[in-house]
């Protein structure tokens, strides 16, 4: 169900206050110094070299929002949030928040984008700003590490022998499926700059012999071979309708008879009355990329069917679809 909206919540939606307070706290990295225990505003201000009174007011606001807790004069992290906001955590997500801060001016152009239908940026961050794109790739890899093992447990690949991770990024899913199914011969296919990141992660996991890296562009030409399992994660929302239809046709051609394609992405709900949060993410893509958007699940099903796949199954609502290629 859509969230209930009240007059006070309308005011809250209309203000940028909480978003900028949070982004500023990440930019100042207030959470890492609190990783080992609570501190007063005076202690923390001295440590990070900011004004004590201004910092105290900022941290009180963070307590009000629910991002910190306070006992007497000392501020402390909230453990379940610190996992993502402390730089030394293996699941640190601060770089993505810093990216949002860098996108502040782009969001200010939303009205113009809606009026004209013209994007405010060229390409996307992975192409136009490769250094920042590499940082984002590392964060996305850490995020994927949280969900990939569970997905590998949920999807039974025991009867398949070959696997390709198309646009596999940092390799989280290739690694998870390879660990779960040691018999799989896996290939990770992506752009050369991304493969450098994947190589580090794969070597760290000791899976260099099981996961082969293949360089290329999934929108150009065919994939390097055919496979029993073709996996594609979070690609569709960066591309146009036509590009995605063509991509799924390539994936079909790369799937062995009797094989399976698995599509993971952020789908807008098919129920027009309840499109889900991914409809908001689609606006982010409109602001942050030249052609990105989220598509309805039924649109992805159309592409899969047109490509030749059948037996389309939703594995996770508005997130993962699987389909087979007939024998």
C-alpha atoms as a PDB file:
ATOM      1  CA  UNK A   1       0.000   0.000   0.000  1.00  0.00           C
ATOM      2  CA  UNK A   2       1.223   3.558  -0.688  1.00  0.00           C
ATOM      3  CA  UNK A   3       2.259   5.405   2.497  1.00  0.00           C
ATOM      4  CA  UNK A   4      -0.317   7.666   4.128  1.00  0.00           C
ATOM      5  CA  UNK A   5       0.395  11.349   3.618  1.00  0.00           C
ATOM      6  CA  UNK A   6      -0.598  13.987   6.137  1.00  0.00           C
ATOM      7  CA  UNK A   7      -0.204  17.772   6.194  1.00  0.00           C
ATOM      8  CA  UNK A   8       2.920  17.553   8.444  1.00  0.00           C
ATOM      9  CA  UNK A   9       4.439  14.912   6.177  1.00  0.00           C
ATOM     10  CA  UNK A  10       3.779  17.138   3.164  1.00  0.00           C
ATOM     11  CA  UNK A  11       5.878  19.847   4.783  1.00  0.00           C
ATOM     12  CA  UNK A  12       8.592  17.306   5.528  1.00  0.00           C
ATOM     13  CA  UNK A  13       8.556  16.125   1.914  1.00  0.00           C
ATOM     14  CA  UNK A  14       8.802  19.692   0.701  1.00  0.00           C
ATOM     15  CA  UNK A  15      11.927  20.490   2.669  1.00  0.00           C
ATOM     16  CA  UNK A  16      15.437  19.356   1.752  1.00  0.00           C
ATOM     17  CA  UNK A  17      16.481  19.651   5.365  1.00  0.00           C
ATOM     18  CA  UNK A  18      16.838  16.052   6.468  1.00  0.00           C
ATOM     19  CA  UNK A  19      18.507  14.920   3.246  1.00  0.00           C
ATOM     20  CA  UNK A  20      21.163  17.629   3.415  1.00  0.00           C
ATOM     21  CA  UNK A  21      21.717  17.095   7.141  1.00  0.00           C
ATOM     22  CA  UNK A  22      22.337  13.397   6.507  1.00  0.00           C
ATOM     23  CA  UNK A  23      24.569  13.946   3.464  1.00  0.00           C
ATOM     24  CA  UNK A  24      26.597  16.525   5.393  1.00  0.00           C
ATOM     25  CA  UNK A  25      27.089  14.056   8.251  1.00  0.00           C
ATOM     26  CA  UNK A  26      28.460  11.485   5.793  1.00  0.00           C
ATOM     27  CA  UNK A  27      30.694  14.034   4.098  1.00  0.00           C
ATOM     28  CA  UNK A  28      32.118  15.052   7.478  1.00  0.00           C
ATOM     29  CA  UNK A  29      32.370  11.332   8.362  1.00  0.00           C
ATOM     30  CA  UNK A  30      30.848  11.723  11.836  1.00  0.00           C
ATOM     31  CA  UNK A  31      30.205   7.988  12.207  1.00  0.00           C
ATOM     32  CA  UNK A  32      33.718   6.507  11.945  1.00  0.00           C
ATOM     33  CA  UNK A  33      35.110   8.363  15.009  1.00  0.00           C
ATOM     34  CA  UNK A  34      32.157   6.985  17.010  1.00  0.00           C
ATOM     35  CA  UNK A  35      32.870   3.379  16.004  1.00  0.00           C
ATOM     36  CA  UNK A  36      34.690   2.634  19.262  1.00  0.00           C
ATOM     37  CA  UNK A  37      32.345   4.436  21.600  1.00  0.00           C
ATOM     38  CA  UNK A  38      30.338   7.576  22.283  1.00  0.00           C
ATOM     39  CA  UNK A  39      31.820  11.074  22.301  1.00  0.00           C
ATOM     40  CA  UNK A  40      30.708  14.572  23.172  1.00  0.00           C
ATOM     41  CA  UNK A  41      30.291  17.184  20.476  1.00  0.00           C
ATOM     42  CA  UNK A  42      33.340  18.981  21.879  1.00  0.00           C
ATOM     43  CA  UNK A  43      35.507  15.842  21.611  1.00  0.00           C
ATOM     44  CA  UNK A  44      34.357  15.076  18.097  1.00  0.00           C
ATOM     45  CA  UNK A  45      34.664  18.701  16.932  1.00  0.00           C
ATOM     46  CA  UNK A  46      38.268  18.782  18.115  1.00  0.00           C
ATOM     47  CA  UNK A  47      38.979  15.514  16.321  1.00  0.00           C
ATOM     48  CA  UNK A  48      37.494  16.455  12.928  1.00  0.00           C
ATOM     49  CA  UNK A  49      38.328  20.179  13.170  1.00  0.00           C
ATOM     50  CA  UNK A  50      34.875  21.799  13.012  1.00  0.00           C
ATOM     51  CA  UNK A  51      32.959  24.318  15.134  1.00  0.00           C
ATOM     52  CA  UNK A  52      31.696  22.745  18.359  1.00  0.00           C
ATOM     53  CA  UNK A  53      28.375  24.591  18.625  1.00  0.00           C
ATOM     54  CA  UNK A  54      27.458  24.040  14.961  1.00  0.00           C
ATOM     55  CA  UNK A  55      28.405  20.348  15.203  1.00  0.00           C
ATOM     56  CA  UNK A  56      26.328  19.937  18.375  1.00  0.00           C
ATOM     57  CA  UNK A  57      23.279  21.332  16.590  1.00  0.00           C
ATOM     58  CA  UNK A  58      23.890  19.092  13.582  1.00  0.00           C
ATOM     59  CA  UNK A  59      24.240  15.994  15.763  1.00  0.00           C
ATOM     60  CA  UNK A  60      21.093  16.840  17.725  1.00  0.00           C
ATOM     61  CA  UNK A  61      19.278  16.973  14.390  1.00  0.00           C
ATOM     62  CA  UNK A  62      20.738  13.550  13.497  1.00  0.00           C
ATOM     63  CA  UNK A  63      19.422  12.210  16.809  1.00  0.00           C
ATOM     64  CA  UNK A  64      15.998  13.621  15.981  1.00  0.00           C
ATOM     65  CA  UNK A  65      16.041  11.983  12.551  1.00  0.00           C
ATOM     66  CA  UNK A  66      17.111   8.681  14.101  1.00  0.00           C
ATOM     67  CA  UNK A  67      20.645   8.394  12.739  1.00  0.00           C
ATOM     68  CA  UNK A  68      22.444   8.802  16.085  1.00  0.00           C
ATOM     69  CA  UNK A  69      21.537   8.315  19.724  1.00  0.00           C
ATOM     70  CA  UNK A  70      22.422  10.533  22.666  1.00  0.00           C
ATOM     71  CA  UNK A  71      22.846   9.912  26.369  1.00  0.00           C
ATOM     72  CA  UNK A  72      23.498  13.004  28.460  1.00  0.00           C
ATOM     73  CA  UNK A  73      26.185  14.893  26.485  1.00  0.00           C
ATOM     74  CA  UNK A  74      27.548  11.937  24.510  1.00  0.00           C
ATOM     75  CA  UNK A  75      26.570  10.868  21.000  1.00  0.00           C
ATOM     76  CA  UNK A  76      26.774   7.283  19.764  1.00  0.00           C
ATOM     77  CA  UNK A  77      26.212   5.292  16.599  1.00  0.00           C
ATOM     78  CA  UNK A  78      23.154   3.122  16.069  1.00  0.00           C
ATOM     79  CA  UNK A  79      24.689  -0.328  15.425  1.00  0.00           C
ATOM     80  CA  UNK A  80      22.444  -1.409  12.561  1.00  0.00           C
ATOM     81  CA  UNK A  81      23.212   1.861  10.724  1.00  0.00           C
ATOM     82  CA  UNK A  82      26.900   2.031  11.644  1.00  0.00           C
ATOM     83  CA  UNK A  83      27.441  -1.093   9.561  1.00  0.00           C
ATOM     84  CA  UNK A  84      26.845   1.078   6.479  1.00  0.00           C
ATOM     85  CA  UNK A  85      28.215   4.430   7.681  1.00  0.00           C
ATOM     86  CA  UNK A  86      31.516   3.582   9.397  1.00  0.00           C
ATOM     87  CA  UNK A  87      34.366   3.627   6.892  1.00  0.00           C
ATOM     88  CA  UNK A  88      36.092   0.583   8.339  1.00  0.00           C
ATOM     89  CA  UNK A  89      32.987  -1.600   7.930  1.00  0.00           C
ATOM     90  CA  UNK A  90      33.070  -4.137   5.096  1.00  0.00           C
ATOM     91  CA  UNK A  91      29.607  -2.922   4.093  1.00  0.00           C
ATOM     92  CA  UNK A  92      30.394   0.831   4.115  1.00  0.00           C
ATOM     93  CA  UNK A  93      28.053   2.663   1.723  1.00  0.00           C
ATOM     94  CA  UNK A  94      29.170   6.232   2.312  1.00  0.00           C
ATOM     95  CA  UNK A  95      30.542   6.658  -1.208  1.00  0.00           C
ATOM     96  CA  UNK A  96      27.034   6.317  -2.607  1.00  0.00           C
ATOM     97  CA  UNK A  97      25.824   9.009  -0.228  1.00  0.00           C
ATOM     98  CA  UNK A  98      28.699  11.247  -1.339  1.00  0.00           C
ATOM     99  CA  UNK A  99      27.639  10.628  -4.913  1.00  0.00           C
ATOM    100  CA  UNK A 100      24.150  11.874  -4.010  1.00  0.00           C
ATOM    101  CA  UNK A 101      25.712  14.998  -2.541  1.00  0.00           C
ATOM    102  CA  UNK A 102      27.639  15.503  -5.780  1.00  0.00           C
ATOM    103  CA  UNK A 103      24.347  15.114  -7.677  1.00  0.00           C
ATOM    104  CA  UNK A 104      22.715  17.920  -5.648  1.00  0.00           C
ATOM    105  CA  UNK A 105      22.799  20.383  -8.542  1.00  0.00           C
ATOM    106  CA  UNK A 106      21.439  17.801 -10.983  1.00  0.00           C
ATOM    107  CA  UNK A 107      18.356  17.249  -8.832  1.00  0.00           C
ATOM    108  CA  UNK A 108      17.780  20.998  -8.988  1.00  0.00           C
ATOM    109  CA  UNK A 109      17.180  20.533 -12.731  1.00  0.00           C
ATOM    110  CA  UNK A 110      14.330  18.029 -12.307  1.00  0.00           C
ATOM    111  CA  UNK A 111      11.641  20.567 -13.225  1.00  0.00           C
ATOM    112  CA  UNK A 112      13.468  21.422 -16.452  1.00  0.00           C
ATOM    113  CA  UNK A 113      13.926  17.725 -17.279  1.00  0.00           C
ATOM    114  CA  UNK A 114      10.206  17.063 -16.801  1.00  0.00           C
ATOM    115  CA  UNK A 115       9.232  20.111 -18.893  1.00  0.00           C
ATOM    116  CA  UNK A 116      11.556  19.349 -21.792  1.00  0.00           C
ATOM    117  CA  UNK A 117      12.066  15.596 -21.611  1.00  0.00           C
ATOM    118  CA  UNK A 118      15.760  16.241 -22.208  1.00  0.00           C
ATOM    119  CA  UNK A 119      18.402  14.720 -19.891  1.00  0.00           C
ATOM    120  CA  UNK A 120      20.639  16.997 -17.838  1.00  0.00           C
ATOM    121  CA  UNK A 121      23.697  14.747 -18.156  1.00  0.00           C
ATOM    122  CA  UNK A 122      25.524  12.797 -20.847  1.00  0.00           C
ATOM    123  CA  UNK A 123      25.803   8.994 -20.721  1.00  0.00           C
ATOM    124  CA  UNK A 124      26.072   7.734 -17.119  1.00  0.00           C
ATOM    125  CA  UNK A 125      28.639   7.902 -14.378  1.00  0.00           C
ATOM    126  CA  UNK A 126      30.419   4.702 -15.434  1.00  0.00           C
ATOM    127  CA  UNK A 127      31.151   6.206 -18.858  1.00  0.00           C
ATOM    128  CA  UNK A 128      31.375   9.956 -18.225  1.00  0.00           C
ATOM    129  CA  UNK A 129      33.208   9.773 -14.868  1.00  0.00           C
ATOM    130  CA  UNK A 130      35.079   6.442 -14.808  1.00  0.00           C
ATOM    131  CA  UNK A 131      36.982   7.197 -11.593  1.00  0.00           C
ATOM    132  CA  UNK A 132      33.758   7.883  -9.699  1.00  0.00           C
ATOM    133  CA  UNK A 133      32.192   4.946 -11.534  1.00  0.00           C
ATOM    134  CA  UNK A 134      34.918   2.659 -10.199  1.00  0.00           C
ATOM    135  CA  UNK A 135      34.149   3.855  -6.665  1.00  0.00           C
ATOM    136  CA  UNK A 136      30.447   3.214  -7.196  1.00  0.00           C
ATOM    137  CA  UNK A 137      31.258  -0.256  -8.566  1.00  0.00           C
ATOM    138  CA  UNK A 138      33.109  -1.091  -5.366  1.00  0.00           C
ATOM    139  CA  UNK A 139      30.169   0.048  -3.250  1.00  0.00           C
ATOM    140  CA  UNK A 140      27.693  -1.870  -5.387  1.00  0.00           C
ATOM    141  CA  UNK A 141      29.907  -4.914  -4.959  1.00  0.00           C
ATOM    142  CA  UNK A 142      29.737  -4.558  -1.182  1.00  0.00           C
ATOM    143  CA  UNK A 143      25.960  -4.205  -1.394  1.00  0.00           C
ATOM    144  CA  UNK A 144      25.722  -7.251  -3.665  1.00  0.00           C
ATOM    145  CA  UNK A 145      27.830  -9.245  -1.213  1.00  0.00           C
ATOM    146  CA  UNK A 146      24.974  -8.984   1.269  1.00  0.00           C
ATOM    147  CA  UNK A 147      22.372 -10.520  -1.044  1.00  0.00           C
ATOM    148  CA  UNK A 148      24.330 -12.725  -3.463  1.00  0.00           C
ATOM    149  CA  UNK A 149      24.869 -15.727  -1.133  1.00  0.00           C
ATOM    150  CA  UNK A 150      21.149 -15.908  -0.320  1.00  0.00           C
ATOM    151  CA  UNK A 151      20.260 -15.735  -4.006  1.00  0.00           C
ATOM    152  CA  UNK A 152      22.731 -18.513  -4.800  1.00  0.00           C
ATOM    153  CA  UNK A 153      21.008 -20.654  -2.166  1.00  0.00           C
ATOM    154  CA  UNK A 154      17.541 -19.844  -3.525  1.00  0.00           C
ATOM    155  CA  UNK A 155      18.238 -20.674  -7.190  1.00  0.00           C
ATOM    156  CA  UNK A 156      19.123 -24.314  -7.880  1.00  0.00           C
ATOM    157  CA  UNK A 157      21.916 -24.541 -10.461  1.00  0.00           C
ATOM    158  CA  UNK A 158      23.057 -28.031  -9.509  1.00  0.00           C
ATOM    159  CA  UNK A 159      22.105 -29.519 -12.892  1.00  0.00           C
ATOM    160  CA  UNK A 160      23.963 -26.904 -14.969  1.00  0.00           C
ATOM    161  CA  UNK A 161      27.645 -26.800 -15.889  1.00  0.00           C
ATOM    162  CA  UNK A 162      28.420 -23.393 -17.406  1.00  0.00           C
ATOM    163  CA  UNK A 163      27.506 -19.908 -16.185  1.00  0.00           C
ATOM    164  CA  UNK A 164      28.075 -16.376 -17.456  1.00  0.00           C
ATOM    165  CA  UNK A 165      27.608 -13.207 -15.417  1.00  0.00           C
ATOM    166  CA  UNK A 166      26.847 -10.515 -18.018  1.00  0.00           C
ATOM    167  CA  UNK A 167      27.963  -7.075 -16.888  1.00  0.00           C
ATOM    168  CA  UNK A 168      29.098  -8.778 -13.707  1.00  0.00           C
ATOM    169  CA  UNK A 169      30.715  -5.743 -12.094  1.00  0.00           C
ATOM    170  CA  UNK A 170      32.800  -6.554  -9.043  1.00  0.00           C
ATOM    171  CA  UNK A 171      31.907 -10.229  -9.280  1.00  0.00           C
ATOM    172  CA  UNK A 172      29.737 -10.677  -6.183  1.00  0.00           C
ATOM    173  CA  UNK A 173      27.229 -12.949  -7.920  1.00  0.00           C
ATOM    174  CA  UNK A 174      29.847 -14.911  -9.857  1.00  0.00           C
ATOM    175  CA  UNK A 175      31.643 -15.509  -6.576  1.00  0.00           C
ATOM    176  CA  UNK A 176      28.496 -16.487  -4.678  1.00  0.00           C
ATOM    177  CA  UNK A 177      27.272 -18.931  -7.322  1.00  0.00           C
ATOM    178  CA  UNK A 178      30.762 -20.404  -7.759  1.00  0.00           C
ATOM    179  CA  UNK A 179      31.060 -20.998  -4.018  1.00  0.00           C
ATOM    180  CA  UNK A 180      27.608 -22.541  -3.834  1.00  0.00           C
ATOM    181  CA  UNK A 181      28.163 -24.718  -6.927  1.00  0.00           C
ATOM    182  CA  UNK A 182      31.883 -25.579  -7.161  1.00  0.00           C
ATOM    183  CA  UNK A 183      31.292 -27.626 -10.321  1.00  0.00           C
ATOM    184  CA  UNK A 184      30.184 -24.534 -12.300  1.00  0.00           C
ATOM    185  CA  UNK A 185      32.539 -23.167 -14.913  1.00  0.00           C
ATOM    186  CA  UNK A 186      31.865 -19.446 -14.609  1.00  0.00           C
ATOM    187  CA  UNK A 187      32.617 -16.480 -16.870  1.00  0.00           C
ATOM    188  CA  UNK A 188      32.359 -12.839 -15.836  1.00  0.00           C
ATOM    189  CA  UNK A 189      31.826 -10.566 -18.850  1.00  0.00           C
ATOM    190  CA  UNK A 190      32.287  -6.804 -18.552  1.00  0.00           C
ATOM    191  CA  UNK A 191      34.221  -3.732 -19.658  1.00  0.00           C
ATOM    192  CA  UNK A 192      38.004  -3.780 -19.115  1.00  0.00           C
ATOM    193  CA  UNK A 193      38.047  -1.124 -16.369  1.00  0.00           C
ATOM    194  CA  UNK A 194      35.432  -3.079 -14.419  1.00  0.00           C
ATOM    195  CA  UNK A 195      37.268  -6.379 -14.819  1.00  0.00           C
ATOM    196  CA  UNK A 196      40.218  -4.922 -12.911  1.00  0.00           C
ATOM    197  CA  UNK A 197      37.982  -4.574  -9.859  1.00  0.00           C
ATOM    198  CA  UNK A 198      36.476  -8.031 -10.382  1.00  0.00           C
ATOM    199  CA  UNK A 199      39.928  -9.598 -10.644  1.00  0.00           C
ATOM    200  CA  UNK A 200      40.925  -8.235  -7.227  1.00  0.00           C
ATOM    201  CA  UNK A 201      37.789  -9.655  -5.622  1.00  0.00           C
ATOM    202  CA  UNK A 202      38.027 -13.042  -7.340  1.00  0.00           C
ATOM    203  CA  UNK A 203      41.691 -13.462  -6.426  1.00  0.00           C
ATOM    204  CA  UNK A 204      40.907 -12.505  -2.836  1.00  0.00           C
ATOM    205  CA  UNK A 205      38.311 -15.298  -2.723  1.00  0.00           C
ATOM    206  CA  UNK A 206      40.725 -17.806  -4.279  1.00  0.00           C
ATOM    207  CA  UNK A 207      38.426 -18.468  -7.243  1.00  0.00           C
ATOM    208  CA  UNK A 208      40.707 -17.537 -10.140  1.00  0.00           C
ATOM    209  CA  UNK A 209      40.663 -21.110 -11.440  1.00  0.00           C
ATOM    210  CA  UNK A 210      36.872 -21.302 -11.435  1.00  0.00           C
ATOM    211  CA  UNK A 211      35.856 -17.841 -12.721  1.00  0.00           C
ATOM    212  CA  UNK A 212      37.145 -16.765 -16.125  1.00  0.00           C
ATOM    213  CA  UNK A 213      37.185 -13.049 -17.007  1.00  0.00           C
ATOM    214  CA  UNK A 214      36.083 -12.020 -20.489  1.00  0.00           C
ATOM    215  CA  UNK A 215      36.340  -8.474 -21.810  1.00  0.00           C
ATOM    216  CA  UNK A 216      33.635  -6.925 -23.949  1.00  0.00           C
ATOM    217  CA  UNK A 217      30.521  -4.792 -24.330  1.00  0.00           C
ATOM    218  CA  UNK A 218      27.226  -6.656 -23.913  1.00  0.00           C
ATOM    219  CA  UNK A 219      25.520  -4.231 -26.315  1.00  0.00           C
ATOM    220  CA  UNK A 220      27.940  -4.961 -29.143  1.00  0.00           C
ATOM    221  CA  UNK A 221      28.216  -8.274 -30.931  1.00  0.00           C
ATOM    222  CA  UNK A 222      27.634 -11.645 -29.343  1.00  0.00           C
ATOM    223  CA  UNK A 223      28.772 -13.032 -26.008  1.00  0.00           C
ATOM    224  CA  UNK A 224      31.998 -15.071 -26.010  1.00  0.00           C
ATOM    225  CA  UNK A 225      30.286 -18.495 -26.019  1.00  0.00           C
ATOM    226  CA  UNK A 226      27.016 -20.228 -25.103  1.00  0.00           C
ATOM    227  CA  UNK A 227      26.140 -21.189 -21.530  1.00  0.00           C
ATOM    228  CA  UNK A 228      23.687 -23.211 -19.464  1.00  0.00           C
ATOM    229  CA  UNK A 229      23.004 -20.246 -17.175  1.00  0.00           C
ATOM    230  CA  UNK A 230      23.005 -16.612 -18.313  1.00  0.00           C
ATOM    231  CA  UNK A 231      22.807 -14.134 -15.424  1.00  0.00           C
ATOM    232  CA  UNK A 232      22.370 -10.359 -15.852  1.00  0.00           C
ATOM    233  CA  UNK A 233      22.141  -8.039 -12.865  1.00  0.00           C
ATOM    234  CA  UNK A 234      21.144  -4.359 -12.727  1.00  0.00           C
ATOM    235  CA  UNK A 235      21.757  -3.599 -16.390  1.00  0.00           C
ATOM    236  CA  UNK A 236      18.292  -2.852 -17.725  1.00  0.00           C
ATOM    237  CA  UNK A 237      17.685   0.355 -15.780  1.00  0.00           C
ATOM    238  CA  UNK A 238      20.661   2.030 -17.494  1.00  0.00           C
ATOM    239  CA  UNK A 239      19.319   1.376 -20.993  1.00  0.00           C
ATOM    240  CA  UNK A 240      16.516   2.152 -23.416  1.00  0.00           C
ATOM    241  CA  UNK A 241      13.619  -0.106 -24.354  1.00  0.00           C
ATOM    242  CA  UNK A 242      15.234  -0.929 -27.718  1.00  0.00           C
ATOM    243  CA  UNK A 243      18.658  -1.635 -26.198  1.00  0.00           C
ATOM    244  CA  UNK A 244      17.164  -3.982 -23.630  1.00  0.00           C
ATOM    245  CA  UNK A 245      15.082  -5.863 -26.181  1.00  0.00           C
ATOM    246  CA  UNK A 246      18.222  -6.331 -28.299  1.00  0.00           C
ATOM    247  CA  UNK A 247      20.239  -7.363 -25.237  1.00  0.00           C
ATOM    248  CA  UNK A 248      17.764 -10.072 -24.232  1.00  0.00           C
ATOM    249  CA  UNK A 249      17.905 -11.382 -27.785  1.00  0.00           C
ATOM    250  CA  UNK A 250      21.700 -11.656 -27.408  1.00  0.00           C
ATOM    251  CA  UNK A 251      21.211 -13.427 -24.097  1.00  0.00           C
ATOM    252  CA  UNK A 252      18.851 -15.884 -25.752  1.00  0.00           C
ATOM    253  CA  UNK A 253      21.429 -16.636 -28.426  1.00  0.00           C
ATOM    254  CA  UNK A 254      24.045 -17.184 -25.707  1.00  0.00           C
ATOM    255  CA  UNK A 255      21.821 -19.624 -23.761  1.00  0.00           C
ATOM    256  CA  UNK A 256      22.161 -23.348 -24.432  1.00  0.00           C
ATOM    257  CA  UNK A 257      19.000 -25.326 -25.212  1.00  0.00           C
ATOM    258  CA  UNK A 258      17.443 -26.313 -21.915  1.00  0.00           C
ATOM    259  CA  UNK A 259      19.321 -23.495 -20.208  1.00  0.00           C
ATOM    260  CA  UNK A 260      18.065 -20.606 -18.101  1.00  0.00           C
ATOM    261  CA  UNK A 261      18.373 -16.829 -18.094  1.00  0.00           C
ATOM    262  CA  UNK A 262      18.142 -14.960 -14.774  1.00  0.00           C
ATOM    263  CA  UNK A 263      17.390 -11.224 -14.835  1.00  0.00           C
ATOM    264  CA  UNK A 264      17.898  -9.194 -11.658  1.00  0.00           C
ATOM    265  CA  UNK A 265      16.900  -5.544 -11.750  1.00  0.00           C
ATOM    266  CA  UNK A 266      14.568  -2.948 -10.234  1.00  0.00           C
ATOM    267  CA  UNK A 267      11.140  -3.431 -11.820  1.00  0.00           C
ATOM    268  CA  UNK A 268       8.202  -1.084 -11.417  1.00  0.00           C
ATOM    269  CA  UNK A 269       5.153  -2.997 -10.165  1.00  0.00           C
ATOM    270  CA  UNK A 270       2.625  -4.104 -12.768  1.00  0.00           C
ATOM    271  CA  UNK A 271      -0.231  -2.787 -10.614  1.00  0.00           C
ATOM    272  CA  UNK A 272      -0.627   0.853 -11.719  1.00  0.00           C
ATOM    273  CA  UNK A 273      -2.123   1.748  -8.320  1.00  0.00           C
ATOM    274  CA  UNK A 274       0.970   0.465  -6.485  1.00  0.00           C
ATOM    275  CA  UNK A 275       4.074   0.963  -8.648  1.00  0.00           C
ATOM    276  CA  UNK A 276       6.386   0.520  -5.654  1.00  0.00           C
ATOM    277  CA  UNK A 277       9.511   2.406  -4.558  1.00  0.00           C
ATOM    278  CA  UNK A 278      11.319   1.601  -7.811  1.00  0.00           C
ATOM    279  CA  UNK A 279       9.179   4.313  -9.414  1.00  0.00           C
ATOM    280  CA  UNK A 280      11.138   6.780  -7.251  1.00  0.00           C
ATOM    281  CA  UNK A 281      14.424   5.141  -8.235  1.00  0.00           C
ATOM    282  CA  UNK A 282      13.407   5.626 -11.865  1.00  0.00           C
ATOM    283  CA  UNK A 283      13.384   9.406 -11.266  1.00  0.00           C
ATOM    284  CA  UNK A 284      16.882   9.121  -9.831  1.00  0.00           C
ATOM    285  CA  UNK A 285      17.929   7.453 -13.089  1.00  0.00           C
ATOM    286  CA  UNK A 286      16.271  10.239 -15.087  1.00  0.00           C
ATOM    287  CA  UNK A 287      18.306  12.841 -13.196  1.00  0.00           C
ATOM    288  CA  UNK A 288      21.552  10.891 -12.965  1.00  0.00           C
ATOM    289  CA  UNK A 289      21.856   9.386 -16.441  1.00  0.00           C
ATOM    290  CA  UNK A 290      21.106  10.212 -20.053  1.00  0.00           C
ATOM    291  CA  UNK A 291      18.649   7.377 -20.721  1.00  0.00           C
ATOM    292  CA  UNK A 292      18.213   5.335 -17.549  1.00  0.00           C
ATOM    293  CA  UNK A 293      14.807   4.333 -16.179  1.00  0.00           C
ATOM    294  CA  UNK A 294      13.028   1.451 -14.463  1.00  0.00           C
ATOM    295  CA  UNK A 295      10.655  -0.731 -16.462  1.00  0.00           C
ATOM    296  CA  UNK A 296       7.569  -2.658 -15.453  1.00  0.00           C
ATOM    297  CA  UNK A 297       7.938  -6.368 -14.903  1.00  0.00           C
ATOM    298  CA  UNK A 298       5.500  -7.061 -17.732  1.00  0.00           C
ATOM    299  CA  UNK A 299       7.758  -5.148 -20.130  1.00  0.00           C
ATOM    300  CA  UNK A 300      10.719  -7.399 -19.224  1.00  0.00           C
ATOM    301  CA  UNK A 301       8.456 -10.409 -19.742  1.00  0.00           C
ATOM    302  CA  UNK A 302       7.589  -9.078 -23.199  1.00  0.00           C
ATOM    303  CA  UNK A 303      11.270  -8.811 -24.105  1.00  0.00           C
ATOM    304  CA  UNK A 304      11.962 -12.313 -22.804  1.00  0.00           C
ATOM    305  CA  UNK A 305       9.033 -13.797 -24.736  1.00  0.00           C
ATOM    306  CA  UNK A 306       9.929 -11.962 -27.941  1.00  0.00           C
ATOM    307  CA  UNK A 307      13.520 -13.191 -27.632  1.00  0.00           C
ATOM    308  CA  UNK A 308      12.239 -16.779 -27.484  1.00  0.00           C
ATOM    309  CA  UNK A 309      12.341 -17.636 -23.777  1.00  0.00           C
ATOM    310  CA  UNK A 310       9.428 -19.359 -22.063  1.00  0.00           C
ATOM    311  CA  UNK A 311       8.417 -20.559 -18.576  1.00  0.00           C
ATOM    312  CA  UNK A 312       8.987 -17.095 -17.111  1.00  0.00           C
ATOM    313  CA  UNK A 313       8.964 -17.190 -13.315  1.00  0.00           C
ATOM    314  CA  UNK A 314       9.188 -14.336 -10.787  1.00  0.00           C
ATOM    315  CA  UNK A 315      11.709 -15.438  -8.161  1.00  0.00           C
ATOM    316  CA  UNK A 316      11.616 -12.227  -6.126  1.00  0.00           C
ATOM    317  CA  UNK A 317       8.837  -9.659  -6.486  1.00  0.00           C
ATOM    318  CA  UNK A 318       9.812  -6.750  -8.736  1.00  0.00           C
ATOM    319  CA  UNK A 319      13.441  -7.869  -8.579  1.00  0.00           C
ATOM    320  CA  UNK A 320      14.254 -11.227 -10.216  1.00  0.00           C
ATOM    321  CA  UNK A 321      12.814 -13.064 -13.207  1.00  0.00           C
ATOM    322  CA  UNK A 322      13.980 -16.410 -14.616  1.00  0.00           C
ATOM    323  CA  UNK A 323      13.087 -17.997 -17.936  1.00  0.00           C
ATOM    324  CA  UNK A 324      14.145 -21.069 -19.888  1.00  0.00           C
ATOM    325  CA  UNK A 325      15.193 -21.783 -23.454  1.00  0.00           C
ATOM    326  CA  UNK A 326      13.392 -24.759 -24.915  1.00  0.00           C
ATOM    327  CA  UNK A 327      15.207 -27.876 -26.084  1.00  0.00           C
END
